[in-house]
Amino acid sequence: MHRLRLPAARLQTGRIRLEGAELHYLRDVLRLRRGARVEVFDGEGRSFEAELATIGPGGADLVLGDASPQRHESPLELTLAVAVAKAAKLDWVVEKATELGVTRIIPFACERAIAAIERGTSRIERWRRIAVAAAAQCGRVRCPEVLATESFAGLMRLATSHDRAVLFSASGGGSLGDREARAVRSVVVVTGPEGGFSADEVAQAARLGFSLATLGPRVLRAETAAIVAVALAQHRWGDLRSG
């Protein structure tokens, strides 16, 4: 079933009028006709089955039906903090992290990050659009937050706002499997740039409460490391567990 994200305020009534880009998407891209069924979600936790009641040159009308069950959200509040990188690489990270069920994504600057931080909100808005599209594709009812670029020092406060905080570094730490298996509700994982974290950054993170972990003996690209870290966290504490 095709899925369409609409603002929560528009889901307050049983009938929704679509025009402009939304009409173009249903009529010209998806080529839907009257009677077609779609799923509408607000990105904040609600989704509904809907029927395309009318469609024509001037607009279309969706009639909302029953609420859809929430099958695809992880019980783990998982924050991914990822070092800024070239735009295409972070585009990919945002898409795949969304598919893996993250709650929020925070790009951050650090000593060895190779990509300049662009002023303004254009990249952030692009990543938010990518997150919405990925959430629609993979069946999620919540779109992850994509926050504004943070400094490394500012990032360190996250250790006190999550049950677990893990910084992945090639310079020290054990495997994530060595961490205690007690149930946790919120986790932040931090992955660095291609050049890795500096010794000072690793020391600062450890001092402020971050556990240090590695991603194994091979050298991973920064974007690969981010996705592996998310998958490991979901396997350890989220909904990818085998048992």
Protein backbone atom coordinates (compact mmCIF):
# COMPACT_ATOMS: atom_id res chain seq x y z
CA MET A 1 0.00 0.00 0.00
CA HIS A 2 1.32 3.43 -0.94
CA ARG A 3 1.98 5.78 2.00
CA LEU A 4 1.62 9.54 2.26
CA ARG A 5 2.86 11.75 5.09
CA LEU A 6 0.64 14.71 6.04
CA PRO A 7 0.86 17.14 8.99
CA ALA A 8 -0.97 15.99 12.11
CA ALA A 9 -3.34 18.98 12.01
CA ARG A 10 -4.75 17.78 8.70
CA LEU A 11 -5.70 14.40 10.13
CA GLN A 12 -8.23 15.87 12.56
CA THR A 13 -11.14 15.46 10.13
CA GLY A 14 -12.34 12.42 8.25
CA ARG A 15 -11.88 13.94 4.79
CA ILE A 16 -8.67 15.52 3.46
CA ARG A 17 -8.40 17.70 0.36
CA LEU A 18 -5.21 17.33 -1.67
CA GLU A 19 -3.94 19.82 -4.23
CA GLY A 20 -0.65 20.94 -5.77
CA ALA A 21 2.34 18.67 -5.19
CA GLU A 22 0.28 16.13 -3.22
CA LEU A 23 -2.23 15.82 -6.06
CA HIS A 24 0.61 15.50 -8.58
CA TYR A 25 2.18 12.71 -6.55
CA LEU A 26 -1.01 10.64 -6.31
CA ARG A 27 -2.34 11.28 -9.80
CA ASP A 28 0.75 11.61 -12.00
CA VAL A 29 3.50 9.76 -10.14
CA LEU A 30 1.58 6.90 -8.53
CA ARG A 31 -1.20 7.04 -11.16
CA LEU A 32 -3.87 6.23 -8.60
CA ARG A 33 -7.52 6.28 -9.48
CA ARG A 34 -10.75 6.70 -7.53
CA GLY A 35 -11.22 3.90 -5.02
CA ALA A 36 -7.50 3.30 -4.48
CA ARG A 37 -6.42 2.75 -0.91
CA VAL A 38 -3.40 4.43 0.68
CA GLU A 39 -1.97 4.78 4.17
CA VAL A 40 -1.68 8.29 5.61
CA PHE A 41 0.68 8.98 8.52
CA ASP A 42 1.63 12.12 10.41
CA GLY A 43 5.23 11.26 11.35
CA GLU A 44 4.34 11.65 15.03
CA GLY A 45 2.94 8.20 15.72
CA ARG A 46 -0.46 8.02 14.01
CA SER A 47 -1.42 6.40 10.72
CA PHE A 48 -4.71 5.64 9.01
CA GLU A 49 -5.97 3.66 6.06
CA ALA A 50 -7.64 5.97 3.57
CA GLU A 51 -9.62 5.71 0.35
CA LEU A 52 -9.22 8.02 -2.61
CA ALA A 53 -12.82 9.20 -2.92
CA THR A 54 -12.36 11.69 -5.77
CA ILE A 55 -9.51 12.72 -8.05
CA GLY A 56 -9.41 15.15 -10.90
CA PRO A 57 -7.56 18.08 -12.46
CA GLY A 58 -8.34 20.41 -9.56
CA GLY A 59 -7.75 18.18 -6.57
CA ALA A 60 -8.40 14.92 -4.80
CA ASP A 61 -10.20 13.86 -1.62
CA LEU A 62 -9.05 11.20 0.81
CA VAL A 63 -11.51 9.67 3.27
CA LEU A 64 -9.83 8.40 6.41
CA GLY A 65 -10.69 4.97 7.74
CA ASP A 66 -9.43 2.92 10.65
CA ALA A 67 -6.19 3.65 12.44
CA SER A 68 -3.36 1.39 11.31
CA PRO A 69 -1.48 -0.70 13.90
CA GLN A 70 1.97 0.56 14.89
CA ARG A 71 4.11 -2.38 13.87
CA HIS A 72 7.37 -0.80 12.82
CA GLU A 73 8.62 1.39 15.69
CA SER A 74 11.45 0.30 17.96
CA PRO A 75 10.85 0.47 21.73
CA LEU A 76 14.35 1.92 22.07
CA GLU A 77 14.82 5.69 22.00
CA LEU A 78 17.98 5.69 19.89
CA THR A 79 19.95 8.82 19.06
CA LEU A 80 22.66 8.70 16.41
CA ALA A 81 25.27 11.45 16.63
CA VAL A 82 27.34 11.37 13.46
CA ALA A 83 30.30 13.54 12.48
CA VAL A 84 29.66 15.90 9.58
CA ALA A 85 30.82 14.56 6.23
CA LYS A 86 30.31 15.13 2.54
CA ALA A 87 26.66 15.71 1.76
CA ALA A 88 26.07 12.51 -0.23
CA LYS A 89 27.48 10.37 2.56
CA LEU A 90 25.26 11.89 5.21
CA ASP A 91 22.28 11.64 2.87
CA TRP A 92 22.86 7.89 2.85
CA VAL A 93 23.36 7.71 6.63
CA VAL A 94 20.10 9.57 7.30
CA GLU A 95 18.17 7.26 4.97
CA LYS A 96 19.56 4.01 6.38
CA ALA A 97 19.45 5.11 10.02
CA THR A 98 15.78 5.97 9.55
CA GLU A 99 15.14 2.50 8.14
CA LEU A 100 16.85 1.01 11.20
CA GLY A 101 14.53 2.88 13.55
CA VAL A 102 16.51 5.76 15.07
CA THR A 103 14.61 8.37 17.05
CA ARG A 104 16.87 11.30 16.18
CA ILE A 105 20.00 12.15 14.22
CA ILE A 106 22.49 14.82 15.27
CA PRO A 107 25.30 15.83 12.90
CA PHE A 108 28.23 17.31 14.81
CA ALA A 109 31.59 18.96 14.24
CA CYS A 110 34.85 17.65 15.65
CA GLU A 111 38.59 18.14 15.14
CA ARG A 112 39.05 15.82 12.17
CA ALA A 113 35.76 16.27 10.36
CA ILE A 114 36.69 16.95 6.73
CA ALA A 115 33.49 18.64 5.58
CA ALA A 116 32.83 22.30 6.23
CA ILE A 117 29.63 23.08 8.09
CA GLU A 118 27.35 25.08 5.85
CA ARG A 119 25.63 28.08 7.32
CA GLY A 120 21.87 28.15 7.24
CA THR A 121 19.43 25.26 7.23
CA SER A 122 19.52 23.95 3.66
CA ARG A 123 21.35 20.71 4.43
CA ILE A 124 19.33 20.08 7.58
CA GLU A 125 16.08 20.55 5.68
CA ARG A 126 17.32 18.18 2.97
CA TRP A 127 18.12 15.51 5.58
CA ARG A 128 14.67 15.97 7.12
CA ARG A 129 13.05 15.38 3.73
CA ILE A 130 15.16 12.26 3.26
CA ALA A 131 14.08 11.01 6.68
CA VAL A 132 10.40 11.52 5.82
CA ALA A 133 10.77 9.64 2.53
CA ALA A 134 12.63 6.78 4.21
CA ALA A 135 10.04 6.54 6.99
CA ALA A 136 7.27 6.32 4.41
CA GLN A 137 9.11 3.61 2.48
CA CYS A 138 9.87 1.36 5.46
CA GLY A 139 6.48 1.55 7.18
CA ARG A 140 7.34 3.78 10.12
CA VAL A 141 4.73 6.04 11.70
CA ARG A 142 7.30 8.35 13.30
CA CYS A 143 9.87 10.38 11.40
CA PRO A 144 13.17 10.78 13.23
CA GLU A 145 14.19 14.27 14.26
CA VAL A 146 17.18 15.66 12.39
CA LEU A 147 18.66 18.34 14.64
CA ALA A 148 20.88 21.26 13.75
CA THR A 149 24.62 20.69 13.63
CA GLU A 150 26.12 20.49 17.11
CA SER A 151 29.62 21.07 18.45
CA PHE A 152 31.50 18.14 19.99
CA ALA A 153 31.44 19.87 23.38
CA GLY A 154 27.70 20.42 23.12
CA LEU A 155 27.23 16.79 22.19
CA MET A 156 28.75 15.64 25.46
CA ARG A 157 25.68 16.67 27.46
CA LEU A 158 23.80 13.74 25.91
CA ALA A 159 25.55 11.35 28.30
CA THR A 160 23.32 12.58 31.11
CA SER A 161 20.05 12.49 29.16
CA HIS A 162 20.20 8.83 28.06
CA ASP A 163 20.36 5.54 29.94
CA ARG A 164 23.45 4.59 27.94
CA ALA A 165 25.93 6.69 25.96
CA VAL A 166 28.47 4.98 23.71
CA LEU A 167 31.27 6.55 21.68
CA PHE A 168 32.76 4.30 19.03
CA SER A 169 36.49 4.79 18.64
CA ALA A 170 39.27 2.80 17.03
CA SER A 171 41.67 3.90 19.76
CA GLY A 172 40.17 2.04 22.69
CA GLY A 173 37.24 0.28 24.28
CA GLY A 174 35.68 -3.15 23.99
CA SER A 175 32.95 -4.55 21.81
CA LEU A 176 29.36 -3.54 22.33
CA GLY A 177 28.68 -7.12 23.32
CA ASP A 178 30.75 -6.54 26.46
CA ARG A 179 28.25 -3.99 27.74
CA GLU A 180 25.86 -5.15 30.44
CA ALA A 181 22.61 -6.52 29.09
CA ARG A 182 20.28 -4.72 31.47
CA ALA A 183 17.22 -3.24 29.87
CA VAL A 184 17.57 0.37 28.80
CA ARG A 185 15.04 2.71 27.23
CA SER A 186 17.31 5.33 25.68
CA VAL A 187 20.75 5.12 24.07
CA VAL A 188 22.98 7.59 22.23
CA VAL A 189 25.68 6.27 19.92
CA VAL A 190 28.40 8.57 18.61
CA THR A 191 30.50 7.83 15.53
CA GLY A 192 33.36 9.94 14.21
CA PRO A 193 34.86 11.20 10.96
CA GLU A 194 37.15 9.38 8.52
CA GLY A 195 40.20 10.41 10.55
CA GLY A 196 38.70 9.22 13.82
CA PHE A 197 38.43 11.10 17.08
CA SER A 198 41.42 12.85 18.61
CA ALA A 199 42.88 11.55 21.87
CA ASP A 200 41.55 14.63 23.67
CA GLU A 201 38.01 14.01 22.38
CA VAL A 202 38.08 10.36 23.44
CA ALA A 203 39.34 11.34 26.89
CA GLN A 204 36.69 14.02 27.24
CA ALA A 205 33.90 11.60 26.30
CA ALA A 206 35.13 8.98 28.78
CA ARG A 207 35.41 11.58 31.53
CA LEU A 208 31.82 12.74 30.96
CA GLY A 209 30.24 9.29 31.12
CA PHE A 210 30.46 7.82 27.63
CA SER A 211 31.38 4.15 27.35
CA LEU A 212 34.05 3.48 24.71
CA ALA A 213 33.49 0.72 22.17
CA THR A 214 35.04 -0.47 18.93
CA LEU A 215 33.52 -1.80 15.72
CA GLY A 216 35.96 -4.62 15.27
CA PRO A 217 39.39 -5.08 13.70
CA ARG A 218 38.69 -3.63 10.25
CA VAL A 219 38.78 0.04 9.34
CA LEU A 220 35.30 1.17 8.33
CA ARG A 221 34.31 4.20 6.36
CA ALA A 222 32.61 6.83 8.51
CA GLU A 223 29.19 6.26 6.94
CA THR A 224 29.50 2.48 7.34
CA ALA A 225 30.50 2.88 10.98
CA ALA A 226 27.41 4.97 11.71
CA ILE A 227 25.03 2.36 10.34
CA VAL A 228 26.85 -0.55 11.99
CA ALA A 229 26.67 1.27 15.33
CA VAL A 230 22.92 1.79 14.96
CA ALA A 231 22.34 -1.85 14.00
CA LEU A 232 24.40 -3.08 16.95
CA ALA A 233 22.48 -0.86 19.37
CA GLN A 234 19.15 -2.08 18.01
CA HIS A 235 20.37 -5.67 18.33
CA ARG A 236 21.63 -5.14 21.86
CA TRP A 237 18.76 -3.08 23.30
CA GLY A 238 16.11 -2.56 20.61
CA ASP A 239 13.90 -4.64 18.33
CA LEU A 240 16.58 -6.49 16.35
CA ARG A 241 17.28 -8.87 19.23
CA SER A 242 17.08 -12.57 18.40
CA GLY A 243 15.61 -13.56 21.73
